[in-house]
Amino acid sequence: MSVTRFEDLKCWKHAKNFAVELYQTSDNGEFGKDFGSKDQVRRAAVSIASTIAEGRERETVSEFIRYLYVAKGSACELKTQVLIAADIGYVSRERAEELRAKIEALSAMLSALIEK
């Protein structure tokens, strides 16, 4: 594997930036007042980048791939939470769609790295 640091992984950079974006989004309006939902969304978002980093530091490629699959699972969890947030009015449908598209793009990046 040519990448030696997790910080150099494109998918990690996107996941980290997305986690920051989710922190900002979940701090507004009713979303910001619902500690449980806000905490769950934030944990899922942070988990994606953290899991990528942890997996990269593992000793074998097969372990790294296993962690990438876990990160994909966290992305799916986060997508579900964003859709629920839209259904209950915490984020607009438009914002939920933007977030969903970013999550799906990140998941696709993870899939591509797994296949590589």
C-alpha atoms as a PDB file:
ATOM      1  CA  MET A   1       0.000   0.000   0.000  1.00  0.00           C
ATOM      2  CA  SER A   2       1.528   3.303  -1.076  1.00  0.00           C
ATOM      3  CA  VAL A   3      -0.182   5.436   1.571  1.00  0.00           C
ATOM      4  CA  THR A   4       1.743   5.322   4.816  1.00  0.00           C
ATOM      5  CA  ARG A   5      -0.279   7.734   6.956  1.00  0.00           C
ATOM      6  CA  PHE A   6      -4.016   7.672   7.476  1.00  0.00           C
ATOM      7  CA  GLU A   7      -4.016  11.455   7.116  1.00  0.00           C
ATOM      8  CA  ASP A   8      -3.024  10.996   3.472  1.00  0.00           C
ATOM      9  CA  LEU A   9      -6.091   8.890   2.641  1.00  0.00           C
ATOM     10  CA  LYS A  10      -8.624  10.816   0.583  1.00  0.00           C
ATOM     11  CA  CYS A  11     -11.524   8.964   2.204  1.00  0.00           C
ATOM     12  CA  TRP A  12     -10.251   9.847   5.696  1.00  0.00           C
ATOM     13  CA  LYS A  13     -10.001  13.536   4.754  1.00  0.00           C
ATOM     14  CA  HIS A  14     -13.554  13.498   3.435  1.00  0.00           C
ATOM     15  CA  ALA A  15     -14.832  11.632   6.499  1.00  0.00           C
ATOM     16  CA  LYS A  16     -13.140  14.057   8.889  1.00  0.00           C
ATOM     17  CA  ASN A  17     -14.474  17.105   7.061  1.00  0.00           C
ATOM     18  CA  PHE A  18     -17.923  15.552   6.936  1.00  0.00           C
ATOM     19  CA  ALA A  19     -17.850  14.936  10.697  1.00  0.00           C
ATOM     20  CA  VAL A  20     -17.100  18.634  11.235  1.00  0.00           C
ATOM     21  CA  GLU A  21     -19.991  19.527   8.929  1.00  0.00           C
ATOM     22  CA  LEU A  22     -22.348  17.216  10.851  1.00  0.00           C
ATOM     23  CA  TYR A  23     -21.274  18.790  14.149  1.00  0.00           C
ATOM     24  CA  GLN A  24     -22.240  22.191  12.779  1.00  0.00           C
ATOM     25  CA  THR A  25     -25.513  20.965  11.290  1.00  0.00           C
ATOM     26  CA  SER A  26     -26.583  19.173  14.459  1.00  0.00           C
ATOM     27  CA  ASP A  27     -25.991  22.264  16.568  1.00  0.00           C
ATOM     28  CA  ASN A  28     -28.906  24.196  15.033  1.00  0.00           C
ATOM     29  CA  GLY A  29     -32.582  24.527  15.908  1.00  0.00           C
ATOM     30  CA  GLU A  30     -34.467  21.632  17.404  1.00  0.00           C
ATOM     31  CA  PHE A  31     -31.674  19.272  16.446  1.00  0.00           C
ATOM     32  CA  GLY A  32     -29.344  21.138  18.769  1.00  0.00           C
ATOM     33  CA  LYS A  33     -31.804  20.744  21.638  1.00  0.00           C
ATOM     34  CA  ASP A  34     -32.238  16.975  21.246  1.00  0.00           C
ATOM     35  CA  PHE A  35     -29.177  15.682  23.065  1.00  0.00           C
ATOM     36  CA  GLY A  36     -29.806  12.031  22.212  1.00  0.00           C
ATOM     37  CA  SER A  37     -30.180  12.497  18.472  1.00  0.00           C
ATOM     38  CA  LYS A  38     -27.415  15.058  18.280  1.00  0.00           C
ATOM     39  CA  ASP A  39     -25.040  12.796  20.198  1.00  0.00           C
ATOM     40  CA  GLN A  40     -25.888   9.728  18.090  1.00  0.00           C
ATOM     41  CA  VAL A  41     -25.352  11.561  14.791  1.00  0.00           C
ATOM     42  CA  ARG A  42     -22.085  13.013  15.981  1.00  0.00           C
ATOM     43  CA  ARG A  43     -20.808   9.672  17.229  1.00  0.00           C
ATOM     44  CA  ALA A  44     -21.627   7.969  13.935  1.00  0.00           C
ATOM     45  CA  ALA A  45     -19.950  10.752  11.932  1.00  0.00           C
ATOM     46  CA  VAL A  46     -16.795  10.701  14.041  1.00  0.00           C
ATOM     47  CA  SER A  47     -16.762   6.907  13.948  1.00  0.00           C
ATOM     48  CA  ILE A  48     -16.297   6.832  10.185  1.00  0.00           C
ATOM     49  CA  ALA A  49     -13.066   8.845  10.188  1.00  0.00           C
ATOM     50  CA  SER A  50     -11.819   7.217  13.391  1.00  0.00           C
ATOM     51  CA  THR A  51     -12.375   3.709  12.072  1.00  0.00           C
ATOM     52  CA  ILE A  52     -10.555   4.477   8.831  1.00  0.00           C
ATOM     53  CA  ALA A  53      -7.604   5.795  10.849  1.00  0.00           C
ATOM     54  CA  GLU A  54      -7.603   2.851  13.229  1.00  0.00           C
ATOM     55  CA  GLY A  55      -7.772   0.366  10.380  1.00  0.00           C
ATOM     56  CA  ARG A  56      -4.878   1.995   8.556  1.00  0.00           C
ATOM     57  CA  GLU A  57      -2.714   1.515  11.607  1.00  0.00           C
ATOM     58  CA  ARG A  58      -3.389  -2.241  11.695  1.00  0.00           C
ATOM     59  CA  GLU A  59      -0.630  -4.609  10.690  1.00  0.00           C
ATOM     60  CA  THR A  60      -2.237  -6.307   7.702  1.00  0.00           C
ATOM     61  CA  VAL A  61      -4.170  -5.306   4.606  1.00  0.00           C
ATOM     62  CA  SER A  62      -6.941  -7.745   5.528  1.00  0.00           C
ATOM     63  CA  GLU A  63      -7.408  -6.028   8.890  1.00  0.00           C
ATOM     64  CA  PHE A  64      -7.482  -2.634   7.193  1.00  0.00           C
ATOM     65  CA  ILE A  65     -10.154  -3.881   4.801  1.00  0.00           C
ATOM     66  CA  ARG A  66     -12.205  -5.192   7.728  1.00  0.00           C
ATOM     67  CA  TYR A  67     -12.104  -1.741   9.318  1.00  0.00           C
ATOM     68  CA  LEU A  68     -13.103  -0.109   6.037  1.00  0.00           C
ATOM     69  CA  TYR A  69     -16.193  -2.326   6.027  1.00  0.00           C
ATOM     70  CA  VAL A  70     -16.946  -1.181   9.582  1.00  0.00           C
ATOM     71  CA  ALA A  71     -16.598   2.446   8.442  1.00  0.00           C
ATOM     72  CA  LYS A  72     -19.062   1.713   5.613  1.00  0.00           C
ATOM     73  CA  GLY A  73     -21.466   0.373   8.231  1.00  0.00           C
ATOM     74  CA  SER A  74     -21.140   3.579  10.233  1.00  0.00           C
ATOM     75  CA  ALA A  75     -21.840   5.572   7.069  1.00  0.00           C
ATOM     76  CA  CYS A  76     -25.050   3.611   6.542  1.00  0.00           C
ATOM     77  CA  GLU A  77     -25.997   4.191  10.181  1.00  0.00           C
ATOM     78  CA  LEU A  78     -25.394   7.907   9.729  1.00  0.00           C
ATOM     79  CA  LYS A  79     -27.451   8.010   6.536  1.00  0.00           C
ATOM     80  CA  THR A  80     -30.358   6.463   8.427  1.00  0.00           C
ATOM     81  CA  GLN A  81     -30.033   9.041  11.198  1.00  0.00           C
ATOM     82  CA  VAL A  82     -29.985  11.905   8.686  1.00  0.00           C
ATOM     83  CA  LEU A  83     -33.151  10.588   7.022  1.00  0.00           C
ATOM     84  CA  ILE A  84     -34.854  10.327  10.414  1.00  0.00           C
ATOM     85  CA  ALA A  85     -33.717  13.860  11.267  1.00  0.00           C
ATOM     86  CA  ALA A  86     -35.395  15.054   8.072  1.00  0.00           C
ATOM     87  CA  ASP A  87     -38.586  13.123   8.827  1.00  0.00           C
ATOM     88  CA  ILE A  88     -38.930  14.748  12.238  1.00  0.00           C
ATOM     89  CA  GLY A  89     -38.041  18.207  10.961  1.00  0.00           C
ATOM     90  CA  TYR A  90     -34.560  18.620  12.423  1.00  0.00           C
ATOM     91  CA  VAL A  91     -33.092  19.277   8.967  1.00  0.00           C
ATOM     92  CA  SER A  92     -34.787  20.301   5.764  1.00  0.00           C
ATOM     93  CA  ARG A  93     -35.371  17.755   3.009  1.00  0.00           C
ATOM     94  CA  GLU A  94     -32.897  19.666   0.860  1.00  0.00           C
ATOM     95  CA  ARG A  95     -30.206  19.572   3.540  1.00  0.00           C
ATOM     96  CA  ALA A  96     -30.872  15.889   4.198  1.00  0.00           C
ATOM     97  CA  GLU A  97     -30.442  15.196   0.494  1.00  0.00           C
ATOM     98  CA  GLU A  98     -27.120  17.069   0.449  1.00  0.00           C
ATOM     99  CA  LEU A  99     -25.908  15.087   3.447  1.00  0.00           C
ATOM    100  CA  ARG A 100     -27.172  11.794   2.018  1.00  0.00           C
ATOM    101  CA  ALA A 101     -25.302  12.408  -1.233  1.00  0.00           C
ATOM    102  CA  LYS A 102     -22.079  13.131   0.661  1.00  0.00           C
ATOM    103  CA  ILE A 103     -22.487   9.993   2.754  1.00  0.00           C
ATOM    104  CA  GLU A 104     -23.081   7.883  -0.346  1.00  0.00           C
ATOM    105  CA  ALA A 105     -20.027   9.413  -2.039  1.00  0.00           C
ATOM    106  CA  LEU A 106     -17.920   8.607   1.008  1.00  0.00           C
ATOM    107  CA  SER A 107     -19.253   5.049   1.077  1.00  0.00           C
ATOM    108  CA  ALA A 108     -18.359   4.693  -2.603  1.00  0.00           C
ATOM    109  CA  MET A 109     -14.835   5.904  -1.848  1.00  0.00           C
ATOM    110  CA  LEU A 110     -14.532   3.264   0.858  1.00  0.00           C
ATOM    111  CA  SER A 111     -15.781   0.585  -1.542  1.00  0.00           C
ATOM    112  CA  ALA A 112     -13.229   1.649  -4.133  1.00  0.00           C
ATOM    113  CA  LEU A 113     -10.422   1.470  -1.563  1.00  0.00           C
ATOM    114  CA  ILE A 114     -11.576  -1.972  -0.457  1.00  0.00           C
ATOM    115  CA  GLU A 115     -11.514  -3.186  -4.055  1.00  0.00           C
ATOM    116  CA  LYS A 116      -8.049  -1.692  -4.610  1.00  0.00           C
END
